[in-house]
Amino acid sequence: MRKSSEHLLEELAELQAARLLAEATTVGGRKLIVRVFSDRDLTFIRLLAQKLTHLEANLVALLAASSEQSSLVFAQSEGMPFDMGALLKETLNELGGRGWWQ
């Protein structure tokens, strides 16, 4: 049952990633996704960030979950020039909370 649940979560993240990529804003030649999920947790938005950055070579994703415990995930595609860790730390200093970056 646990494996089945994990598989369904993977599928949901892939579908959500495809939808978000189709709706993504392009800024400075890069795709940018900024989204807050009120019905998802850190595990899901982390998985979603991984899917997004593997599907798109030139992407920055700033995701948040506001359900049980507010969480942030900042991610970028491999090879992008941004310091996501520093950006996340700066944001957390202003807002408080916890986060994850890639």
PDB file of N, CA and C in Angstrom:
ATOM      1  N   MET A   1       0.817  -1.184   0.000  1.00  0.00           N
ATOM      2  CA  MET A   1       0.000   0.000   0.000  1.00  0.00           C
ATOM      3  C   MET A   1       0.871   1.261   0.000  1.00  0.00           C
ATOM      4  N   ARG A   2       1.963   1.233   0.736  1.00  0.00           N
ATOM      5  CA  ARG A   2       2.870   2.382   0.794  1.00  0.00           C
ATOM      6  C   ARG A   2       3.482   2.654  -0.574  1.00  0.00           C
ATOM      7  N   LYS A   3       3.910   1.588  -1.263  1.00  0.00           N
ATOM      8  CA  LYS A   3       4.490   1.737  -2.600  1.00  0.00           C
ATOM      9  C   LYS A   3       3.469   2.312  -3.568  1.00  0.00           C
ATOM     10  N   SER A   4       2.241   1.854  -3.451  1.00  0.00           N
ATOM     11  CA  SER A   4       1.173   2.354  -4.313  1.00  0.00           C
ATOM     12  C   SER A   4       0.939   3.844  -4.068  1.00  0.00           C
ATOM     13  N   SER A   5       0.949   4.249  -2.816  1.00  0.00           N
ATOM     14  CA  SER A   5       0.771   5.649  -2.458  1.00  0.00           C
ATOM     15  C   SER A   5       1.912   6.506  -3.003  1.00  0.00           C
ATOM     16  N   GLU A   6       3.145   6.023  -2.887  1.00  0.00           N
ATOM     17  CA  GLU A   6       4.305   6.748  -3.411  1.00  0.00           C
ATOM     18  C   GLU A   6       4.221   6.878  -4.927  1.00  0.00           C
ATOM     19  N   HIS A   7       3.782   5.814  -5.580  1.00  0.00           N
ATOM     20  CA  HIS A   7       3.649   5.831  -7.038  1.00  0.00           C
ATOM     21  C   HIS A   7       2.597   6.855  -7.465  1.00  0.00           C
ATOM     22  N   LEU A   8       1.480   6.904  -6.763  1.00  0.00           N
ATOM     23  CA  LEU A   8       0.435   7.876  -7.080  1.00  0.00           C
ATOM     24  C   LEU A   8       0.912   9.307  -6.855  1.00  0.00           C
ATOM     25  N   LEU A   9       1.691   9.526  -5.805  1.00  0.00           N
ATOM     26  CA  LEU A   9       2.245  10.848  -5.539  1.00  0.00           C
ATOM     27  C   LEU A   9       3.196  11.266  -6.657  1.00  0.00           C
ATOM     28  N   GLU A  10       4.013  10.335  -7.133  1.00  0.00           N
ATOM     29  CA  GLU A  10       4.921  10.592  -8.259  1.00  0.00           C
ATOM     30  C   GLU A  10       4.122  10.998  -9.499  1.00  0.00           C
ATOM     31  N   GLU A  11       3.070  10.249  -9.794  1.00  0.00           N
ATOM     32  CA  GLU A  11       2.247  10.550 -10.964  1.00  0.00           C
ATOM     33  C   GLU A  11       1.586  11.917 -10.837  1.00  0.00           C
ATOM     34  N   LEU A  12       1.076  12.218  -9.660  1.00  0.00           N
ATOM     35  CA  LEU A  12       0.443  13.511  -9.429  1.00  0.00           C
ATOM     36  C   LEU A  12       1.454  14.641  -9.615  1.00  0.00           C
ATOM     37  N   ALA A  13       2.656  14.465  -9.094  1.00  0.00           N
ATOM     38  CA  ALA A  13       3.699  15.488  -9.240  1.00  0.00           C
ATOM     39  C   ALA A  13       4.065  15.680 -10.711  1.00  0.00           C
ATOM     40  N   GLU A  14       4.155  14.612 -11.466  1.00  0.00           N
ATOM     41  CA  GLU A  14       4.477  14.721 -12.894  1.00  0.00           C
ATOM     42  C   GLU A  14       3.378  15.471 -13.651  1.00  0.00           C
ATOM     43  N   LEU A  15       2.129  15.146 -13.362  1.00  0.00           N
ATOM     44  CA  LEU A  15       1.017  15.838 -14.017  1.00  0.00           C
ATOM     45  C   LEU A  15       0.980  17.316 -13.640  1.00  0.00           C
ATOM     46  N   GLN A  16       1.182  17.600 -12.359  1.00  0.00           N
ATOM     47  CA  GLN A  16       1.186  18.991 -11.893  1.00  0.00           C
ATOM     48  C   GLN A  16       2.350  19.755 -12.523  1.00  0.00           C
ATOM     49  N   ALA A  17       3.514  19.121 -12.624  1.00  0.00           N
ATOM     50  CA  ALA A  17       4.677  19.758 -13.228  1.00  0.00           C
ATOM     51  C   ALA A  17       4.404  20.110 -14.687  1.00  0.00           C
ATOM     52  N   ALA A  18       3.812  19.202 -15.436  1.00  0.00           N
ATOM     53  CA  ALA A  18       3.500  19.466 -16.842  1.00  0.00           C
ATOM     54  C   ALA A  18       2.529  20.641 -16.963  1.00  0.00           C
ATOM     55  N   ARG A  19       1.547  20.690 -16.089  1.00  0.00           N
ATOM     56  CA  ARG A  19       0.576  21.786 -16.115  1.00  0.00           C
ATOM     57  C   ARG A  19       1.229  23.128 -15.778  1.00  0.00           C
ATOM     58  N   LEU A  20       2.059  23.115 -14.745  1.00  0.00           N
ATOM     59  CA  LEU A  20       2.736  24.354 -14.354  1.00  0.00           C
ATOM     60  C   LEU A  20       3.696  24.841 -15.442  1.00  0.00           C
ATOM     61  N   LEU A  21       4.385  23.925 -16.092  1.00  0.00           N
ATOM     62  CA  LEU A  21       5.297  24.310 -17.176  1.00  0.00           C
ATOM     63  C   LEU A  21       4.537  24.933 -18.335  1.00  0.00           C
ATOM     64  N   ALA A  22       3.363  24.415 -18.629  1.00  0.00           N
ATOM     65  CA  ALA A  22       2.547  24.969 -19.711  1.00  0.00           C
ATOM     66  C   ALA A  22       2.072  26.389 -19.394  1.00  0.00           C
ATOM     67  N   GLU A  23       1.929  26.696 -18.115  1.00  0.00           N
ATOM     68  CA  GLU A  23       1.446  28.008 -17.677  1.00  0.00           C
ATOM     69  C   GLU A  23       2.569  28.941 -17.222  1.00  0.00           C
ATOM     70  N   ALA A  24       3.815  28.483 -17.277  1.00  0.00           N
ATOM     71  CA  ALA A  24       4.944  29.232 -16.718  1.00  0.00           C
ATOM     72  C   ALA A  24       5.153  30.580 -17.404  1.00  0.00           C
ATOM     73  N   THR A  25       5.573  31.532 -16.611  1.00  0.00           N
ATOM     74  CA  THR A  25       5.944  32.853 -17.099  1.00  0.00           C
ATOM     75  C   THR A  25       7.409  32.815 -17.525  1.00  0.00           C
ATOM     76  N   THR A  26       7.734  33.505 -18.603  1.00  0.00           N
ATOM     77  CA  THR A  26       9.126  33.605 -19.032  1.00  0.00           C
ATOM     78  C   THR A  26       9.647  34.987 -18.664  1.00  0.00           C
ATOM     79  N   VAL A  27      10.745  35.009 -17.925  1.00  0.00           N
ATOM     80  CA  VAL A  27      11.367  36.252 -17.486  1.00  0.00           C
ATOM     81  C   VAL A  27      12.853  36.171 -17.827  1.00  0.00           C
ATOM     82  N   GLY A  28      13.329  37.103 -18.605  1.00  0.00           N
ATOM     83  CA  GLY A  28      14.749  37.115 -18.957  1.00  0.00           C
ATOM     84  C   GLY A  28      15.197  35.839 -19.662  1.00  0.00           C
ATOM     85  N   GLY A  29      14.325  35.243 -20.442  1.00  0.00           N
ATOM     86  CA  GLY A  29      14.664  34.027 -21.163  1.00  0.00           C
ATOM     87  C   GLY A  29      14.590  32.756 -20.328  1.00  0.00           C
ATOM     88  N   ARG A  30      14.145  32.889 -19.080  1.00  0.00           N
ATOM     89  CA  ARG A  30      14.018  31.722 -18.193  1.00  0.00           C
ATOM     90  C   ARG A  30      12.566  31.544 -17.795  1.00  0.00           C
ATOM     91  N   LYS A  31      12.166  30.296 -17.613  1.00  0.00           N
ATOM     92  CA  LYS A  31      10.821  30.042 -17.115  1.00  0.00           C
ATOM     93  C   LYS A  31      10.821  30.212 -15.602  1.00  0.00           C
ATOM     94  N   LEU A  32       9.792  30.884 -15.104  1.00  0.00           N
ATOM     95  CA  LEU A  32       9.660  31.145 -13.678  1.00  0.00           C
ATOM     96  C   LEU A  32       8.306  30.635 -13.212  1.00  0.00           C
ATOM     97  N   ILE A  33       8.330  29.832 -12.155  1.00  0.00           N
ATOM     98  CA  ILE A  33       7.101  29.333 -11.548  1.00  0.00           C
ATOM     99  C   ILE A  33       7.107  29.734 -10.079  1.00  0.00           C
ATOM    100  N   VAL A  34       6.100  30.481  -9.690  1.00  0.00           N
ATOM    101  CA  VAL A  34       5.912  30.890  -8.298  1.00  0.00           C
ATOM    102  C   VAL A  34       4.517  30.421  -7.910  1.00  0.00           C
ATOM    103  N   ARG A  35       4.455  29.559  -6.898  1.00  0.00           N
ATOM    104  CA  ARG A  35       3.154  28.971  -6.560  1.00  0.00           C
ATOM    105  C   ARG A  35       3.076  28.628  -5.075  1.00  0.00           C
ATOM    106  N   VAL A  36       1.918  28.879  -4.469  1.00  0.00           N
ATOM    107  CA  VAL A  36       1.629  28.486  -3.086  1.00  0.00           C
ATOM    108  C   VAL A  36       0.542  27.414  -3.142  1.00  0.00           C
ATOM    109  N   PHE A  37       0.790  26.298  -2.452  1.00  0.00           N
ATOM    110  CA  PHE A  37      -0.160  25.194  -2.393  1.00  0.00           C
ATOM    111  C   PHE A  37      -0.730  25.121  -0.981  1.00  0.00           C
ATOM    112  N   SER A  38      -2.029  25.332  -0.872  1.00  0.00           N
ATOM    113  CA  SER A  38      -2.666  25.282   0.450  1.00  0.00           C
ATOM    114  C   SER A  38      -3.038  23.854   0.847  1.00  0.00           C
ATOM    115  N   ASP A  39      -3.030  22.953  -0.126  1.00  0.00           N
ATOM    116  CA  ASP A  39      -3.466  21.581   0.137  1.00  0.00           C
ATOM    117  C   ASP A  39      -2.349  20.551  -0.003  1.00  0.00           C
ATOM    118  N   ARG A  40      -1.103  20.988  -0.008  1.00  0.00           N
ATOM    119  CA  ARG A  40       0.040  20.080  -0.158  1.00  0.00           C
ATOM    120  C   ARG A  40       1.035  20.303   0.973  1.00  0.00           C
ATOM    121  N   ASP A  41       1.914  19.308   1.161  1.00  0.00           N
ATOM    122  CA  ASP A  41       2.928  19.410   2.210  1.00  0.00           C
ATOM    123  C   ASP A  41       4.317  19.543   1.598  1.00  0.00           C
ATOM    124  N   LEU A  42       5.321  19.642   2.464  1.00  0.00           N
ATOM    125  CA  LEU A  42       6.695  19.812   2.019  1.00  0.00           C
ATOM    126  C   LEU A  42       7.149  18.656   1.135  1.00  0.00           C
ATOM    127  N   THR A  43       6.764  17.445   1.474  1.00  0.00           N
ATOM    128  CA  THR A  43       7.161  16.285   0.674  1.00  0.00           C
ATOM    129  C   THR A  43       6.711  16.440  -0.772  1.00  0.00           C
ATOM    130  N   PHE A  44       5.476  16.866  -0.960  1.00  0.00           N
ATOM    131  CA  PHE A  44       4.960  17.011  -2.320  1.00  0.00           C
ATOM    132  C   PHE A  44       5.643  18.141  -3.073  1.00  0.00           C
ATOM    133  N   ILE A  45       5.790  19.312  -2.454  1.00  0.00           N
ATOM    134  CA  ILE A  45       6.378  20.422  -3.211  1.00  0.00           C
ATOM    135  C   ILE A  45       7.862  20.169  -3.496  1.00  0.00           C
ATOM    136  N   ARG A  46       8.530  19.424  -2.645  1.00  0.00           N
ATOM    137  CA  ARG A  46       9.914  19.043  -2.924  1.00  0.00           C
ATOM    138  C   ARG A  46       9.967  18.121  -4.151  1.00  0.00           C
ATOM    139  N   LEU A  47       9.093  17.137  -4.186  1.00  0.00           N
ATOM    140  CA  LEU A  47       9.008  16.225  -5.325  1.00  0.00           C
ATOM    141  C   LEU A  47       8.634  16.992  -6.595  1.00  0.00           C
ATOM    142  N   LEU A  48       7.691  17.903  -6.490  1.00  0.00           N
ATOM    143  CA  LEU A  48       7.282  18.717  -7.626  1.00  0.00           C
ATOM    144  C   LEU A  48       8.451  19.555  -8.151  1.00  0.00           C
ATOM    145  N   ALA A  49       9.221  20.156  -7.260  1.00  0.00           N
ATOM    146  CA  ALA A  49      10.387  20.944  -7.674  1.00  0.00           C
ATOM    147  C   ALA A  49      11.384  20.072  -8.431  1.00  0.00           C
ATOM    148  N   GLN A  50      11.601  18.864  -7.963  1.00  0.00           N
ATOM    149  CA  GLN A  50      12.511  17.949  -8.650  1.00  0.00           C
ATOM    150  C   GLN A  50      12.005  17.623 -10.042  1.00  0.00           C
ATOM    151  N   LYS A  51      10.720  17.345 -10.169  1.00  0.00           N
ATOM    152  CA  LYS A  51      10.130  17.044 -11.481  1.00  0.00           C
ATOM    153  C   LYS A  51      10.275  18.238 -12.415  1.00  0.00           C
ATOM    154  N   LEU A  52       9.945  19.419 -11.925  1.00  0.00           N
ATOM    155  CA  LEU A  52      10.019  20.628 -12.749  1.00  0.00           C
ATOM    156  C   LEU A  52      11.438  20.868 -13.272  1.00  0.00           C
ATOM    157  N   THR A  53      12.412  20.789 -12.378  1.00  0.00           N
ATOM    158  CA  THR A  53      13.781  21.109 -12.780  1.00  0.00           C
ATOM    159  C   THR A  53      14.405  20.036 -13.666  1.00  0.00           C
ATOM    160  N   HIS A  54      13.861  18.832 -13.639  1.00  0.00           N
ATOM    161  CA  HIS A  54      14.350  17.789 -14.545  1.00  0.00           C
ATOM    162  C   HIS A  54      13.659  17.856 -15.905  1.00  0.00           C
ATOM    163  N   LEU A  55      12.449  18.389 -15.938  1.00  0.00           N
ATOM    164  CA  LEU A  55      11.704  18.487 -17.195  1.00  0.00           C
ATOM    165  C   LEU A  55      12.088  19.707 -18.017  1.00  0.00           C
ATOM    166  N   GLU A  56      12.561  20.752 -17.363  1.00  0.00           N
ATOM    167  CA  GLU A  56      12.858  22.011 -18.046  1.00  0.00           C
ATOM    168  C   GLU A  56      14.290  22.439 -17.738  1.00  0.00           C
ATOM    169  N   ALA A  57      15.056  22.720 -18.781  1.00  0.00           N
ATOM    170  CA  ALA A  57      16.480  23.033 -18.604  1.00  0.00           C
ATOM    171  C   ALA A  57      16.739  24.449 -18.118  1.00  0.00           C
ATOM    172  N   ASN A  58      15.798  25.337 -18.246  1.00  0.00           N
ATOM    173  CA  ASN A  58      16.027  26.745 -17.940  1.00  0.00           C
ATOM    174  C   ASN A  58      14.901  27.267 -17.054  1.00  0.00           C
ATOM    175  N   LEU A  59      14.849  26.758 -15.815  1.00  0.00           N
ATOM    176  CA  LEU A  59      13.702  27.033 -14.959  1.00  0.00           C
ATOM    177  C   LEU A  59      14.111  27.394 -13.534  1.00  0.00           C
ATOM    178  N   VAL A  60      13.350  28.319 -12.961  1.00  0.00           N
ATOM    179  CA  VAL A  60      13.453  28.646 -11.544  1.00  0.00           C
ATOM    180  C   VAL A  60      12.061  28.442 -10.954  1.00  0.00           C
ATOM    181  N   ALA A  61      11.990  27.694  -9.853  1.00  0.00           N
ATOM    182  CA  ALA A  61      10.712  27.431  -9.194  1.00  0.00           C
ATOM    183  C   ALA A  61      10.794  27.873  -7.737  1.00  0.00           C
ATOM    184  N   LEU A  62       9.852  28.698  -7.342  1.00  0.00           N
ATOM    185  CA  LEU A  62       9.722  29.155  -5.960  1.00  0.00           C
ATOM    186  C   LEU A  62       8.362  28.649  -5.480  1.00  0.00           C
ATOM    187  N   LEU A  63       8.387  27.593  -4.674  1.00  0.00           N
ATOM    188  CA  LEU A  63       7.158  26.914  -4.268  1.00  0.00           C
ATOM    189  C   LEU A  63       6.975  26.991  -2.757  1.00  0.00           C
ATOM    190  N   ALA A  64       5.715  27.021  -2.342  1.00  0.00           N
ATOM    191  CA  ALA A  64       5.408  27.059  -0.911  1.00  0.00           C
ATOM    192  C   ALA A  64       4.227  26.148  -0.614  1.00  0.00           C
ATOM    193  N   ALA A  65       4.244  25.580   0.570  1.00  0.00           N
ATOM    194  CA  ALA A  65       3.119  24.809   1.088  1.00  0.00           C
ATOM    195  C   ALA A  65       2.629  25.532   2.333  1.00  0.00           C
ATOM    196  N   SER A  66       1.339  25.751   2.390  1.00  0.00           N
ATOM    197  CA  SER A  66       0.803  26.474   3.551  1.00  0.00           C
ATOM    198  C   SER A  66      -0.190  25.627   4.326  1.00  0.00           C
ATOM    199  N   SER A  67      -0.117  24.319   4.167  1.00  0.00           N
ATOM    200  CA  SER A  67      -1.060  23.442   4.868  1.00  0.00           C
ATOM    201  C   SER A  67      -0.654  23.269   6.321  1.00  0.00           C
ATOM    202  N   GLU A  68      -0.208  22.081   6.719  1.00  0.00           N
ATOM    203  CA  GLU A  68       0.113  21.777   8.116  1.00  0.00           C
ATOM    204  C   GLU A  68       1.149  22.738   8.693  1.00  0.00           C
ATOM    205  N   GLN A  69       2.298  22.771   8.076  1.00  0.00           N
ATOM    206  CA  GLN A  69       3.362  23.669   8.506  1.00  0.00           C
ATOM    207  C   GLN A  69       3.879  24.382   7.262  1.00  0.00           C
ATOM    208  N   SER A  70       3.914  25.688   7.276  1.00  0.00           N
ATOM    209  CA  SER A  70       4.368  26.441   6.117  1.00  0.00           C
ATOM    210  C   SER A  70       5.794  26.061   5.772  1.00  0.00           C
ATOM    211  N   SER A  71       6.028  25.825   4.477  1.00  0.00           N
ATOM    212  CA  SER A  71       7.343  25.407   4.004  1.00  0.00           C
ATOM    213  C   SER A  71       7.621  26.038   2.657  1.00  0.00           C
ATOM    214  N   LEU A  72       8.891  26.246   2.374  1.00  0.00           N
ATOM    215  CA  LEU A  72       9.320  26.802   1.092  1.00  0.00           C
ATOM    216  C   LEU A  72      10.278  25.849   0.414  1.00  0.00           C
ATOM    217  N   VAL A  73      10.207  25.818  -0.903  1.00  0.00           N
ATOM    218  CA  VAL A  73      11.163  25.076  -1.713  1.00  0.00           C
ATOM    219  C   VAL A  73      11.568  25.990  -2.856  1.00  0.00           C
ATOM    220  N   PHE A  74      12.851  26.282  -2.963  1.00  0.00           N
ATOM    221  CA  PHE A  74      13.386  27.077  -4.054  1.00  0.00           C
ATOM    222  C   PHE A  74      14.275  26.153  -4.868  1.00  0.00           C
ATOM    223  N   ALA A  75      14.032  26.073  -6.170  1.00  0.00           N
ATOM    224  CA  ALA A  75      14.792  25.149  -7.012  1.00  0.00           C
ATOM    225  C   ALA A  75      15.087  25.792  -8.355  1.00  0.00           C
ATOM    226  N   GLN A  76      16.145  25.313  -8.965  1.00  0.00           N
ATOM    227  CA  GLN A  76      16.498  25.762 -10.302  1.00  0.00           C
ATOM    228  C   GLN A  76      17.049  24.581 -11.087  1.00  0.00           C
ATOM    229  N   SER A  77      16.922  24.656 -12.395  1.00  0.00           N
ATOM    230  CA  SER A  77      17.471  23.611 -13.246  1.00  0.00           C
ATOM    231  C   SER A  77      18.981  23.588 -13.106  1.00  0.00           C
ATOM    232  N   GLU A  78      19.553  22.425 -13.340  1.00  0.00           N
ATOM    233  CA  GLU A  78      21.003  22.260 -13.247  1.00  0.00           C
ATOM    234  C   GLU A  78      21.695  23.238 -14.191  1.00  0.00           C
ATOM    235  N   GLY A  79      22.756  23.857 -13.679  1.00  0.00           N
ATOM    236  CA  GLY A  79      23.532  24.790 -14.480  1.00  0.00           C
ATOM    237  C   GLY A  79      23.066  26.233 -14.412  1.00  0.00           C
ATOM    238  N   MET A  80      21.989  26.491 -13.705  1.00  0.00           N
ATOM    239  CA  MET A  80      21.503  27.868 -13.566  1.00  0.00           C
ATOM    240  C   MET A  80      22.422  28.610 -12.599  1.00  0.00           C
ATOM    241  N   PRO A  81      22.540  29.931 -12.754  1.00  0.00           N
ATOM    242  CA  PRO A  81      23.552  30.680 -12.015  1.00  0.00           C
ATOM    243  C   PRO A  81      23.152  31.213 -10.640  1.00  0.00           C
ATOM    244  N   PHE A  82      21.962  30.923 -10.182  1.00  0.00           N
ATOM    245  CA  PHE A  82      21.487  31.561  -8.960  1.00  0.00           C
ATOM    246  C   PHE A  82      21.897  30.792  -7.707  1.00  0.00           C
ATOM    247  N   ASP A  83      22.062  31.522  -6.608  1.00  0.00           N
ATOM    248  CA  ASP A  83      22.365  30.915  -5.320  1.00  0.00           C
ATOM    249  C   ASP A  83      21.051  30.745  -4.569  1.00  0.00           C
ATOM    250  N   MET A  84      20.404  29.605  -4.800  1.00  0.00           N
ATOM    251  CA  MET A  84      19.090  29.373  -4.219  1.00  0.00           C
ATOM    252  C   MET A  84      19.160  29.276  -2.697  1.00  0.00           C
ATOM    253  N   GLY A  85      20.249  28.762  -2.181  1.00  0.00           N
ATOM    254  CA  GLY A  85      20.417  28.675  -0.730  1.00  0.00           C
ATOM    255  C   GLY A  85      20.415  30.045  -0.078  1.00  0.00           C
ATOM    256  N   ALA A  86      21.150  30.978  -0.673  1.00  0.00           N
ATOM    257  CA  ALA A  86      21.208  32.339  -0.129  1.00  0.00           C
ATOM    258  C   ALA A  86      19.851  33.029  -0.247  1.00  0.00           C
ATOM    259  N   LEU A  87      19.183  32.837  -1.385  1.00  0.00           N
ATOM    260  CA  LEU A  87      17.861  33.432  -1.572  1.00  0.00           C
ATOM    261  C   LEU A  87      16.866  32.879  -0.560  1.00  0.00           C
ATOM    262  N   LEU A  88      16.924  31.583  -0.336  1.00  0.00           N
ATOM    263  CA  LEU A  88      16.017  30.971   0.636  1.00  0.00           C
ATOM    264  C   LEU A  88      16.307  31.463   2.051  1.00  0.00           C
ATOM    265  N   LYS A  89      17.582  31.518   2.420  1.00  0.00           N
ATOM    266  CA  LYS A  89      17.938  32.011   3.759  1.00  0.00           C
ATOM    267  C   LYS A  89      17.453  33.433   3.970  1.00  0.00           C
ATOM    268  N   GLU A  90      17.634  34.275   2.953  1.00  0.00           N
ATOM    269  CA  GLU A  90      17.190  35.663   3.050  1.00  0.00           C
ATOM    270  C   GLU A  90      15.672  35.728   3.223  1.00  0.00           C
ATOM    271  N   THR A  91      14.962  34.923   2.460  1.00  0.00           N
ATOM    272  CA  THR A  91      13.502  34.891   2.551  1.00  0.00           C
ATOM    273  C   THR A  91      13.054  34.372   3.913  1.00  0.00           C
ATOM    274  N   LEU A  92      13.692  33.311   4.390  1.00  0.00           N
ATOM    275  CA  LEU A  92      13.330  32.754   5.693  1.00  0.00           C
ATOM    276  C   LEU A  92      13.614  33.728   6.827  1.00  0.00           C
ATOM    277  N   ASN A  93      14.691  34.507   6.707  1.00  0.00           N
ATOM    278  CA  ASN A  93      14.983  35.515   7.730  1.00  0.00           C
ATOM    279  C   ASN A  93      13.855  36.540   7.819  1.00  0.00           C
ATOM    280  N   GLU A  94      13.266  36.854   6.668  1.00  0.00           N
ATOM    281  CA  GLU A  94      12.174  37.827   6.656  1.00  0.00           C
ATOM    282  C   GLU A  94      10.853  37.215   7.117  1.00  0.00           C
ATOM    283  N   LEU A  95      10.612  35.932   6.759  1.00  0.00           N
ATOM    284  CA  LEU A  95       9.320  35.309   7.021  1.00  0.00           C
ATOM    285  C   LEU A  95       9.300  34.315   8.167  1.00  0.00           C
ATOM    286  N   GLY A  96      10.442  33.696   8.446  1.00  0.00           N
ATOM    287  CA  GLY A  96      10.465  32.569   9.378  1.00  0.00           C
ATOM    288  C   GLY A  96       9.946  31.335   8.652  1.00  0.00           C
ATOM    289  N   GLY A  97      10.177  30.182   9.195  1.00  0.00           N
ATOM    290  CA  GLY A  97       9.712  28.946   8.565  1.00  0.00           C
ATOM    291  C   GLY A  97      10.855  28.028   8.232  1.00  0.00           C
ATOM    292  N   ARG A  98      10.561  27.037   7.375  1.00  0.00           N
ATOM    293  CA  ARG A  98      11.598  26.116   6.961  1.00  0.00           C
ATOM    294  C   ARG A  98      11.526  25.938   5.462  1.00  0.00           C
ATOM    295  N   GLY A  99      12.619  25.508   4.880  1.00  0.00           N
ATOM    296  CA  GLY A  99      12.631  25.378   3.438  1.00  0.00           C
ATOM    297  C   GLY A  99      13.668  24.397   2.950  1.00  0.00           C
ATOM    298  N   TRP A 100      13.715  24.237   1.645  1.00  0.00           N
ATOM    299  CA  TRP A 100      14.630  23.312   0.985  1.00  0.00           C
ATOM    300  C   TRP A 100      14.990  23.912  -0.357  1.00  0.00           C
ATOM    301  N   TRP A 101      16.241  23.809  -0.753  1.00  0.00           N
ATOM    302  CA  TRP A 101      16.636  24.329  -2.059  1.00  0.00           C
ATOM    303  C   TRP A 101      17.446  23.287  -2.802  1.00  0.00           C
ATOM    304  N   GLN A 102      17.456  23.484  -4.103  1.00  0.00           N
ATOM    305  CA  GLN A 102      18.169  22.574  -4.995  1.00  0.00           C
ATOM    306  C   GLN A 102      19.037  23.391  -5.901  1.00  0.00           C
TER     307      GLN A 102
END
